[in-house]
Amino acid sequence: MTTNDNSIKRGDIYYVDLPEQPAWSHIQSGRRPCVVVQNNNGNIHSPNTIVIPLTTKHKVHLPTHFIVKETPKTSLGLAEAIVTVNKADLVDYLGHISREEEENMKESLMVCLAL
């Protein structure tokens, strides 16, 4: 990874190496942009972090989806696909989501996790 582990913040966007899945699986895999959703204290102290994968593929709109424009291509955050990854799997820093995107992400997570 190109950054210090302690510099990872909630809302940061990284390319992440997600574990490969079978071709028939609907679980996101491979190298793809993801948004960090773990709290900053957890990001400081844990060897892992929690991310939401992003996709540029067209999907049916769900309340667990949110738009991210802070990536090379406008992307869709898939809160229903939240995953824990080792920080070593964060490859390249791409940027940070906007305040509006962070609010939309928070709402999507609340729907997904029934909070």
C-alpha atoms as a PDB file:
ATOM      1  CA  MET A   1       0.000   0.000   0.000  1.00  0.00           C
ATOM      2  CA  THR A   2       1.261   3.490  -0.786  1.00  0.00           C
ATOM      3  CA  THR A   3       0.036   5.222   2.384  1.00  0.00           C
ATOM      4  CA  ASN A   4       0.648   4.918   6.112  1.00  0.00           C
ATOM      5  CA  ASP A   5      -1.953   2.605   7.717  1.00  0.00           C
ATOM      6  CA  ASN A   6      -2.791   5.345  10.232  1.00  0.00           C
ATOM      7  CA  SER A   7      -3.736   7.754   7.433  1.00  0.00           C
ATOM      8  CA  ILE A   8      -6.742   5.682   6.304  1.00  0.00           C
ATOM      9  CA  LYS A   9      -9.948   7.643   6.941  1.00  0.00           C
ATOM     10  CA  ARG A  10     -13.649   6.899   6.660  1.00  0.00           C
ATOM     11  CA  GLY A  11     -14.736   8.095   3.216  1.00  0.00           C
ATOM     12  CA  ASP A  12     -11.370   7.475   1.536  1.00  0.00           C
ATOM     13  CA  ILE A  13     -11.510   5.737  -1.841  1.00  0.00           C
ATOM     14  CA  TYR A  14      -8.890   3.084  -2.666  1.00  0.00           C
ATOM     15  CA  TYR A  15      -8.401   0.470  -5.297  1.00  0.00           C
ATOM     16  CA  VAL A  16      -8.720  -2.749  -3.282  1.00  0.00           C
ATOM     17  CA  ASP A  17      -7.789  -6.314  -4.180  1.00  0.00           C
ATOM     18  CA  LEU A  18     -10.966  -8.178  -3.222  1.00  0.00           C
ATOM     19  CA  PRO A  19     -10.837 -11.989  -3.055  1.00  0.00           C
ATOM     20  CA  GLU A  20     -11.731 -13.766  -6.297  1.00  0.00           C
ATOM     21  CA  GLN A  21     -15.180 -15.337  -6.414  1.00  0.00           C
ATOM     22  CA  PRO A  22     -16.675 -18.027  -8.666  1.00  0.00           C
ATOM     23  CA  ALA A  23     -17.976 -16.729 -12.000  1.00  0.00           C
ATOM     24  CA  TRP A  24     -21.581 -17.423 -10.945  1.00  0.00           C
ATOM     25  CA  SER A  25     -21.216 -15.420  -7.718  1.00  0.00           C
ATOM     26  CA  HIS A  26     -22.806 -12.006  -7.246  1.00  0.00           C
ATOM     27  CA  ILE A  27     -20.127 -11.008  -4.718  1.00  0.00           C
ATOM     28  CA  GLN A  28     -17.801  -8.224  -5.872  1.00  0.00           C
ATOM     29  CA  SER A  29     -14.235  -9.395  -6.503  1.00  0.00           C
ATOM     30  CA  GLY A  30     -10.953  -8.448  -8.135  1.00  0.00           C
ATOM     31  CA  ARG A  31      -9.237  -5.058  -8.067  1.00  0.00           C
ATOM     32  CA  ARG A  32     -11.884  -2.343  -7.817  1.00  0.00           C
ATOM     33  CA  PRO A  33     -12.438   1.010  -6.147  1.00  0.00           C
ATOM     34  CA  CYS A  34     -13.952   0.857  -2.668  1.00  0.00           C
ATOM     35  CA  VAL A  35     -14.971   3.423  -0.056  1.00  0.00           C
ATOM     36  CA  VAL A  36     -13.726   2.978   3.513  1.00  0.00           C
ATOM     37  CA  VAL A  37     -16.675   2.873   5.953  1.00  0.00           C
ATOM     38  CA  GLN A  38     -14.919   1.785   9.138  1.00  0.00           C
ATOM     39  CA  ASN A  39     -14.634   4.498  11.794  1.00  0.00           C
ATOM     40  CA  ASN A  40     -11.334   6.343  12.057  1.00  0.00           C
ATOM     41  CA  ASN A  41     -10.459   4.896  15.477  1.00  0.00           C
ATOM     42  CA  GLY A  42     -10.833   1.386  14.072  1.00  0.00           C
ATOM     43  CA  ASN A  43      -8.728   2.379  11.081  1.00  0.00           C
ATOM     44  CA  ILE A  44      -5.908   3.430  13.420  1.00  0.00           C
ATOM     45  CA  HIS A  45      -5.890   0.334  15.630  1.00  0.00           C
ATOM     46  CA  SER A  46      -7.000  -2.568  13.430  1.00  0.00           C
ATOM     47  CA  PRO A  47      -4.964  -4.390  10.766  1.00  0.00           C
ATOM     48  CA  ASN A  48      -8.232  -4.568   8.803  1.00  0.00           C
ATOM     49  CA  THR A  49     -10.747  -2.045   7.546  1.00  0.00           C
ATOM     50  CA  ILE A  50     -14.315  -2.211   6.262  1.00  0.00           C
ATOM     51  CA  VAL A  51     -15.135  -1.072   2.723  1.00  0.00           C
ATOM     52  CA  ILE A  52     -18.020  -0.744   0.290  1.00  0.00           C
ATOM     53  CA  PRO A  53     -17.197  -1.863  -3.263  1.00  0.00           C
ATOM     54  CA  LEU A  54     -17.982   0.501  -6.135  1.00  0.00           C
ATOM     55  CA  THR A  55     -19.139  -0.422  -9.627  1.00  0.00           C
ATOM     56  CA  THR A  56     -19.622   1.446 -12.883  1.00  0.00           C
ATOM     57  CA  LYS A  57     -22.111  -1.130 -14.162  1.00  0.00           C
ATOM     58  CA  HIS A  58     -25.744  -0.122 -14.454  1.00  0.00           C
ATOM     59  CA  LYS A  59     -27.802  -1.553 -11.589  1.00  0.00           C
ATOM     60  CA  VAL A  60     -31.445  -1.325 -10.603  1.00  0.00           C
ATOM     61  CA  HIS A  61     -31.653   1.494  -8.069  1.00  0.00           C
ATOM     62  CA  LEU A  62     -31.913   0.203  -4.509  1.00  0.00           C
ATOM     63  CA  PRO A  63     -31.976   2.207  -1.259  1.00  0.00           C
ATOM     64  CA  THR A  64     -28.644   0.510  -0.424  1.00  0.00           C
ATOM     65  CA  HIS A  65     -26.967   2.219  -3.429  1.00  0.00           C
ATOM     66  CA  PHE A  66     -25.347   5.653  -3.530  1.00  0.00           C
ATOM     67  CA  ILE A  67     -23.534   7.647  -6.236  1.00  0.00           C
ATOM     68  CA  VAL A  68     -19.806   8.448  -5.995  1.00  0.00           C
ATOM     69  CA  LYS A  69     -18.419  11.037  -8.421  1.00  0.00           C
ATOM     70  CA  GLU A  70     -14.961  11.300  -6.819  1.00  0.00           C
ATOM     71  CA  THR A  71     -13.667   8.378  -8.909  1.00  0.00           C
ATOM     72  CA  PRO A  72     -12.282   8.354 -12.474  1.00  0.00           C
ATOM     73  CA  LYS A  73     -15.783   7.265 -13.630  1.00  0.00           C
ATOM     74  CA  THR A  74     -19.004   8.018 -11.761  1.00  0.00           C
ATOM     75  CA  SER A  75     -19.636   4.913  -9.672  1.00  0.00           C
ATOM     76  CA  LEU A  76     -22.320   3.271  -7.619  1.00  0.00           C
ATOM     77  CA  GLY A  77     -21.631   2.308  -4.004  1.00  0.00           C
ATOM     78  CA  LEU A  78     -23.092  -1.080  -3.091  1.00  0.00           C
ATOM     79  CA  ALA A  79     -23.753  -0.927   0.657  1.00  0.00           C
ATOM     80  CA  GLU A  80     -25.294  -4.411   0.502  1.00  0.00           C
ATOM     81  CA  ALA A  81     -21.823  -5.706  -0.470  1.00  0.00           C
ATOM     82  CA  ILE A  82     -19.928  -4.353   2.582  1.00  0.00           C
ATOM     83  CA  VAL A  83     -16.742  -6.345   3.253  1.00  0.00           C
ATOM     84  CA  THR A  84     -13.848  -6.488   5.728  1.00  0.00           C
ATOM     85  CA  VAL A  85     -10.405  -6.442   4.101  1.00  0.00           C
ATOM     86  CA  ASN A  86      -6.821  -6.488   5.251  1.00  0.00           C
ATOM     87  CA  LYS A  87      -5.260  -3.027   4.964  1.00  0.00           C
ATOM     88  CA  ALA A  88      -2.514  -4.612   2.854  1.00  0.00           C
ATOM     89  CA  ASP A  89      -5.187  -5.157   0.164  1.00  0.00           C
ATOM     90  CA  LEU A  90      -5.653  -1.382  -0.240  1.00  0.00           C
ATOM     91  CA  VAL A  91      -3.567  -0.697  -3.329  1.00  0.00           C
ATOM     92  CA  ASP A  92      -3.903   2.904  -4.560  1.00  0.00           C
ATOM     93  CA  TYR A  93      -5.517   5.953  -2.961  1.00  0.00           C
ATOM     94  CA  LEU A  94      -8.013   7.608  -5.325  1.00  0.00           C
ATOM     95  CA  GLY A  95      -9.475  10.382  -3.198  1.00  0.00           C
ATOM     96  CA  HIS A  96     -12.221  11.058  -0.686  1.00  0.00           C
ATOM     97  CA  ILE A  97     -15.990  11.178  -1.098  1.00  0.00           C
ATOM     98  CA  SER A  98     -17.800  14.503  -0.728  1.00  0.00           C
ATOM     99  CA  ARG A  99     -19.886  15.396   2.326  1.00  0.00           C
ATOM    100  CA  GLU A 100     -23.066  14.799   0.318  1.00  0.00           C
ATOM    101  CA  GLU A 101     -21.798  11.399  -0.820  1.00  0.00           C
ATOM    102  CA  GLU A 102     -20.866  10.540   2.764  1.00  0.00           C
ATOM    103  CA  GLU A 103     -24.402  11.380   3.919  1.00  0.00           C
ATOM    104  CA  ASN A 104     -25.860   9.246   1.132  1.00  0.00           C
ATOM    105  CA  MET A 105     -23.478   6.409   2.065  1.00  0.00           C
ATOM    106  CA  LYS A 106     -24.564   6.673   5.693  1.00  0.00           C
ATOM    107  CA  GLU A 107     -28.246   6.473   4.699  1.00  0.00           C
ATOM    108  CA  SER A 108     -27.556   3.455   2.470  1.00  0.00           C
ATOM    109  CA  LEU A 109     -25.744   1.689   5.313  1.00  0.00           C
ATOM    110  CA  MET A 110     -28.590   2.440   7.714  1.00  0.00           C
ATOM    111  CA  VAL A 111     -31.063   0.856   5.280  1.00  0.00           C
ATOM    112  CA  CYS A 112     -28.811  -2.144   4.625  1.00  0.00           C
ATOM    113  CA  LEU A 113     -28.133  -2.845   8.301  1.00  0.00           C
ATOM    114  CA  ALA A 114     -31.639  -1.846   9.515  1.00  0.00           C
ATOM    115  CA  LEU A 115     -30.256   0.788  11.901  1.00  0.00           C
END
